[in-house]
N, C-alpha and C. Protein backbone atom coordinates (compact mmCIF):
# COMPACT_ATOMS: atom_id res chain seq x y z
N UNK A 1 -55.83 -92.23 23.39
CA UNK A 1 -56.15 -93.15 22.36
C UNK A 1 -54.88 -93.96 22.19
N UNK A 2 -55.02 -95.38 21.98
CA UNK A 2 -53.90 -96.15 21.78
C UNK A 2 -53.32 -96.00 20.38
N UNK A 3 -51.97 -95.73 20.30
CA UNK A 3 -51.43 -95.49 19.07
C UNK A 3 -51.16 -96.91 18.33
N UNK A 4 -51.37 -98.03 19.02
CA UNK A 4 -51.22 -99.26 18.45
C UNK A 4 -52.31 -99.79 17.74
N UNK A 5 -53.47 -99.22 17.94
CA UNK A 5 -54.72 -99.54 17.21
C UNK A 5 -54.48 -99.38 15.67
N UNK A 6 -55.13 -100.16 14.93
CA UNK A 6 -55.05 -100.20 13.55
C UNK A 6 -53.46 -100.06 13.04
N UNK A 7 -52.62 -100.72 13.60
CA UNK A 7 -51.13 -100.67 13.33
C UNK A 7 -50.56 -99.26 13.44
N UNK A 8 -51.14 -98.49 14.37
CA UNK A 8 -50.48 -97.15 14.59
C UNK A 8 -50.69 -96.17 13.31
N UNK A 9 -51.63 -96.52 12.51
CA UNK A 9 -51.74 -95.74 11.32
C UNK A 9 -50.94 -96.09 10.14
N UNK A 10 -50.06 -97.07 10.50
CA UNK A 10 -49.01 -97.43 9.27
C UNK A 10 -49.73 -98.37 8.36
N UNK A 11 -49.43 -98.35 7.14
CA UNK A 11 -50.12 -99.22 6.08
C UNK A 11 -49.44 -100.65 6.24
N UNK A 12 -50.41 -101.61 5.98
CA UNK A 12 -49.85 -103.08 6.05
C UNK A 12 -49.74 -103.58 4.79
N UNK A 13 -49.98 -102.89 3.62
CA UNK A 13 -49.72 -103.22 2.23
C UNK A 13 -48.33 -103.32 1.91
N UNK A 14 -48.09 -104.37 1.15
CA UNK A 14 -46.56 -104.42 0.65
C UNK A 14 -46.46 -103.40 -0.49
N UNK A 15 -45.77 -102.26 -0.35
CA UNK A 15 -45.62 -101.19 -1.38
C UNK A 15 -44.22 -101.21 -1.85
N UNK A 16 -43.30 -101.64 -1.08
CA UNK A 16 -41.84 -101.61 -1.60
C UNK A 16 -41.53 -102.88 -2.30
N UNK A 17 -40.76 -102.70 -3.40
CA UNK A 17 -40.49 -104.13 -4.19
C UNK A 17 -39.53 -105.10 -3.36
N UNK A 18 -38.82 -104.62 -2.42
CA UNK A 18 -37.98 -105.57 -1.54
C UNK A 18 -38.64 -106.06 -0.28
N UNK A 19 -40.04 -105.83 -0.04
CA UNK A 19 -40.89 -106.16 0.99
C UNK A 19 -40.92 -107.69 1.13
N UNK A 20 -40.53 -108.18 2.19
CA UNK A 20 -40.40 -109.62 2.46
C UNK A 20 -41.71 -110.38 2.63
N UNK A 21 -42.91 -109.49 2.73
CA UNK A 21 -44.21 -109.98 2.83
C UNK A 21 -44.76 -110.31 1.35
N UNK A 22 -44.22 -109.91 0.40
CA UNK A 22 -44.69 -109.84 -0.92
C UNK A 22 -44.12 -111.20 -1.56
N UNK A 23 -45.00 -111.85 -2.24
CA UNK A 23 -44.49 -113.16 -2.90
C UNK A 23 -43.99 -112.80 -4.28
N UNK A 24 -42.70 -112.99 -4.48
CA UNK A 24 -42.03 -112.68 -5.71
C UNK A 24 -42.48 -113.50 -6.94
N UNK A 25 -42.88 -114.77 -6.56
CA UNK A 25 -43.09 -115.53 -7.71
C UNK A 25 -44.75 -115.64 -8.14
N UNK A 26 -45.67 -114.98 -7.38
CA UNK A 26 -47.13 -114.99 -7.70
C UNK A 26 -47.27 -114.48 -9.16
N UNK A 27 -46.69 -113.43 -9.53
CA UNK A 27 -46.93 -113.04 -10.86
C UNK A 27 -46.45 -113.86 -11.91
N UNK A 28 -45.25 -114.41 -11.73
CA UNK A 28 -44.83 -115.55 -12.60
C UNK A 28 -45.68 -116.75 -12.69
N UNK A 29 -46.17 -117.10 -11.57
CA UNK A 29 -47.04 -118.24 -11.59
C UNK A 29 -48.32 -117.99 -12.24
N UNK A 30 -48.89 -116.72 -12.11
CA UNK A 30 -50.19 -116.35 -12.81
C UNK A 30 -49.99 -116.36 -14.30
N UNK A 31 -48.86 -116.00 -14.78
CA UNK A 31 -48.46 -115.84 -16.04
C UNK A 31 -48.23 -117.15 -16.77
N UNK A 32 -47.87 -118.23 -15.92
CA UNK A 32 -47.56 -119.54 -16.59
C UNK A 32 -48.66 -120.34 -16.97
N UNK A 33 -49.92 -119.89 -16.81
CA UNK A 33 -51.14 -120.64 -17.27
C UNK A 33 -52.19 -119.65 -17.56
N UNK A 34 -53.12 -120.15 -18.42
CA UNK A 34 -54.17 -119.25 -18.93
C UNK A 34 -55.63 -120.06 -18.63
N UNK A 35 -56.70 -119.35 -18.88
CA UNK A 35 -58.00 -119.92 -18.66
C UNK A 35 -58.27 -121.37 -19.29
N UNK A 36 -57.83 -121.66 -20.51
CA UNK A 36 -58.01 -122.83 -21.05
C UNK A 36 -57.16 -124.01 -20.15
N UNK A 37 -56.10 -123.62 -19.70
CA UNK A 37 -55.36 -124.59 -18.80
C UNK A 37 -56.24 -125.07 -17.55
N UNK A 38 -56.92 -124.00 -17.05
CA UNK A 38 -57.69 -124.19 -15.83
C UNK A 38 -58.93 -125.07 -16.26
N UNK A 39 -59.48 -124.79 -17.44
CA UNK A 39 -60.64 -125.56 -17.87
C UNK A 39 -60.21 -126.95 -18.10
N UNK A 40 -59.04 -127.33 -18.73
CA UNK A 40 -58.69 -128.64 -18.92
C UNK A 40 -58.40 -129.39 -17.60
N UNK A 41 -57.85 -128.70 -16.50
CA UNK A 41 -57.66 -129.37 -15.25
C UNK A 41 -59.03 -129.73 -14.48
N UNK A 42 -59.86 -128.73 -14.76
CA UNK A 42 -61.27 -129.03 -14.19
C UNK A 42 -62.01 -130.16 -14.93
N UNK A 43 -61.90 -130.29 -16.26
CA UNK A 43 -62.43 -131.22 -17.02
C UNK A 43 -61.77 -132.66 -16.62
N UNK A 44 -60.40 -132.63 -16.43
CA UNK A 44 -59.90 -133.87 -16.08
C UNK A 44 -60.29 -134.30 -14.73
N UNK A 45 -60.47 -133.53 -13.78
CA UNK A 45 -60.95 -133.82 -12.39
C UNK A 45 -62.32 -134.34 -12.59
N UNK A 46 -63.15 -133.77 -13.43
CA UNK A 46 -64.54 -134.13 -13.63
C UNK A 46 -64.55 -135.65 -14.12
N UNK A 47 -63.71 -135.85 -15.22
CA UNK A 47 -63.61 -137.11 -15.81
C UNK A 47 -63.24 -138.22 -14.71
N UNK A 48 -62.15 -137.85 -14.11
CA UNK A 48 -61.59 -138.82 -13.13
C UNK A 48 -62.81 -139.11 -12.04
N UNK A 49 -63.51 -138.12 -11.57
CA UNK A 49 -64.44 -138.27 -10.45
C UNK A 49 -65.61 -139.15 -11.02
N UNK A 50 -66.03 -138.88 -12.12
CA UNK A 50 -67.24 -139.57 -12.71
C UNK A 50 -66.91 -140.88 -13.30
N UNK A 51 -65.95 -140.87 -14.26
CA UNK A 51 -65.50 -142.07 -14.96
C UNK A 51 -64.89 -143.14 -14.11
N UNK A 52 -63.76 -142.65 -13.31
CA UNK A 52 -63.03 -143.54 -12.66
C UNK A 52 -63.78 -143.73 -11.17
N UNK A 53 -64.66 -143.06 -10.86
CA UNK A 53 -65.33 -143.01 -9.47
C UNK A 53 -64.41 -142.81 -8.33
N UNK A 54 -63.34 -141.85 -8.65
CA UNK A 54 -62.41 -141.43 -7.65
C UNK A 54 -62.98 -140.54 -6.60
N UNK A 55 -63.21 -140.87 -5.42
CA UNK A 55 -63.81 -140.07 -4.35
C UNK A 55 -63.01 -138.84 -3.99
N UNK A 56 -61.70 -138.97 -4.03
CA UNK A 56 -60.82 -137.76 -3.73
C UNK A 56 -60.88 -136.74 -4.89
N UNK A 57 -61.02 -137.15 -6.15
CA UNK A 57 -61.14 -136.32 -7.23
C UNK A 57 -62.40 -135.56 -7.15
N UNK A 58 -63.54 -136.39 -6.84
CA UNK A 58 -64.82 -135.77 -6.80
C UNK A 58 -65.03 -134.79 -5.53
N UNK A 59 -64.38 -135.06 -4.48
CA UNK A 59 -64.35 -134.08 -3.49
C UNK A 59 -63.60 -132.70 -3.92
N UNK A 60 -62.44 -132.84 -4.41
CA UNK A 60 -61.73 -131.64 -5.03
C UNK A 60 -62.50 -131.00 -6.07
N UNK A 61 -63.09 -131.71 -6.94
CA UNK A 61 -63.96 -131.09 -8.07
C UNK A 61 -65.09 -130.31 -7.45
N UNK A 62 -65.79 -130.91 -6.55
CA UNK A 62 -67.02 -130.27 -5.93
C UNK A 62 -66.56 -128.95 -5.00
N UNK A 63 -65.38 -129.12 -4.40
CA UNK A 63 -64.89 -127.99 -3.65
C UNK A 63 -64.70 -126.77 -4.44
N UNK A 64 -63.94 -126.95 -5.70
CA UNK A 64 -63.74 -125.76 -6.46
C UNK A 64 -65.06 -125.36 -7.33
N UNK A 65 -66.01 -126.23 -7.48
CA UNK A 65 -67.21 -125.76 -8.35
C UNK A 65 -68.32 -125.40 -7.42
N UNK A 66 -68.66 -126.06 -6.38
CA UNK A 66 -69.78 -125.84 -5.56
C UNK A 66 -69.34 -125.12 -4.35
N UNK A 67 -68.17 -125.47 -3.80
CA UNK A 67 -67.75 -124.90 -2.62
C UNK A 67 -67.78 -125.95 -1.57
N UNK A 68 -67.01 -125.63 -0.45
CA UNK A 68 -66.91 -126.46 0.72
C UNK A 68 -68.35 -126.37 1.46
N UNK A 69 -68.77 -127.63 1.92
CA UNK A 69 -70.05 -127.56 2.80
C UNK A 69 -69.91 -126.94 4.08
N UNK A 70 -70.77 -126.21 4.60
CA UNK A 70 -70.86 -125.77 5.92
C UNK A 70 -71.06 -127.05 6.93
N UNK A 71 -70.53 -126.92 8.09
CA UNK A 71 -70.67 -127.93 9.10
C UNK A 71 -72.06 -127.76 9.72
N UNK A 72 -72.99 -128.70 9.62
CA UNK A 72 -74.26 -128.51 10.24
C UNK A 72 -74.53 -129.71 11.26
N UNK A 73 -75.29 -129.26 12.16
CA UNK A 73 -75.75 -130.36 13.10
C UNK A 73 -77.31 -130.59 12.99
N UNK A 74 -77.70 -132.04 12.78
CA UNK A 74 -78.99 -132.29 12.65
C UNK A 74 -79.66 -132.36 13.96
N UNK A 75 -80.58 -131.37 14.14
CA UNK A 75 -81.46 -131.46 15.62
C UNK A 75 -82.83 -131.78 15.39
N UNK A 76 -83.15 -132.22 14.15
CA UNK A 76 -84.54 -132.61 13.91
C UNK A 76 -84.95 -133.81 14.67
N UNK A 77 -83.95 -134.93 14.78
CA UNK A 77 -84.26 -136.21 15.29
C UNK A 77 -84.17 -136.15 16.67
N UNK A 78 -83.91 -135.11 17.43
CA UNK A 78 -83.54 -135.06 18.93
C UNK A 78 -84.83 -134.73 19.59
N UNK A 79 -85.23 -135.54 20.55
CA UNK A 79 -86.41 -135.38 21.39
C UNK A 79 -86.09 -135.01 22.77
N UNK A 80 -86.67 -134.12 23.38
CA UNK A 80 -86.54 -133.89 24.86
C UNK A 80 -87.65 -134.44 25.59
N UNK A 81 -87.26 -135.23 26.56
CA UNK A 81 -88.21 -135.86 27.39
C UNK A 81 -89.02 -134.96 28.27
N UNK A 82 -90.29 -135.16 28.47
CA UNK A 82 -91.19 -134.30 29.08
C UNK A 82 -91.52 -135.10 30.37
N UNK A 83 -91.44 -134.47 31.53
CA UNK A 83 -91.72 -135.15 32.85
C UNK A 83 -92.84 -134.41 33.36
N UNK A 84 -93.92 -135.25 33.67
CA UNK A 84 -95.17 -134.57 34.25
C UNK A 84 -95.08 -134.80 35.75
N UNK A 85 -94.86 -133.58 36.35
CA UNK A 85 -94.65 -133.61 37.77
C UNK A 85 -95.88 -133.77 38.62
N UNK A 86 -97.09 -133.71 38.10
CA UNK A 86 -98.35 -133.88 38.71
C UNK A 86 -98.49 -135.42 39.18
N UNK A 87 -97.84 -136.29 38.38
CA UNK A 87 -98.11 -137.75 38.66
C UNK A 87 -97.21 -138.26 39.78
N UNK A 88 -96.33 -137.52 40.27
CA UNK A 88 -95.48 -137.90 41.19
C UNK A 88 -96.05 -137.90 42.78
N UNK A 89 -97.11 -137.48 42.91
CA UNK A 89 -97.65 -137.32 44.34
C UNK A 89 -98.31 -138.55 44.70
């Protein structure tokens, strides 16, 4: 069995406080705002998107509320030509 599989059984979680993979400032950033602040920012985006008709604000607002659209390909309008080989004689 390959000992490197699944990181050789070693944990990939940052458990030590001096681990460089851990973001030191994430907790401070999360403590610097509350739910009301997030609501105010989303309301501001909504007002800017609808009132000012700002396309970039509308895209950002929709990405955070509805989610990013999946890339789709429209194949409904594609027609495949049919060749009748019996008429070639």
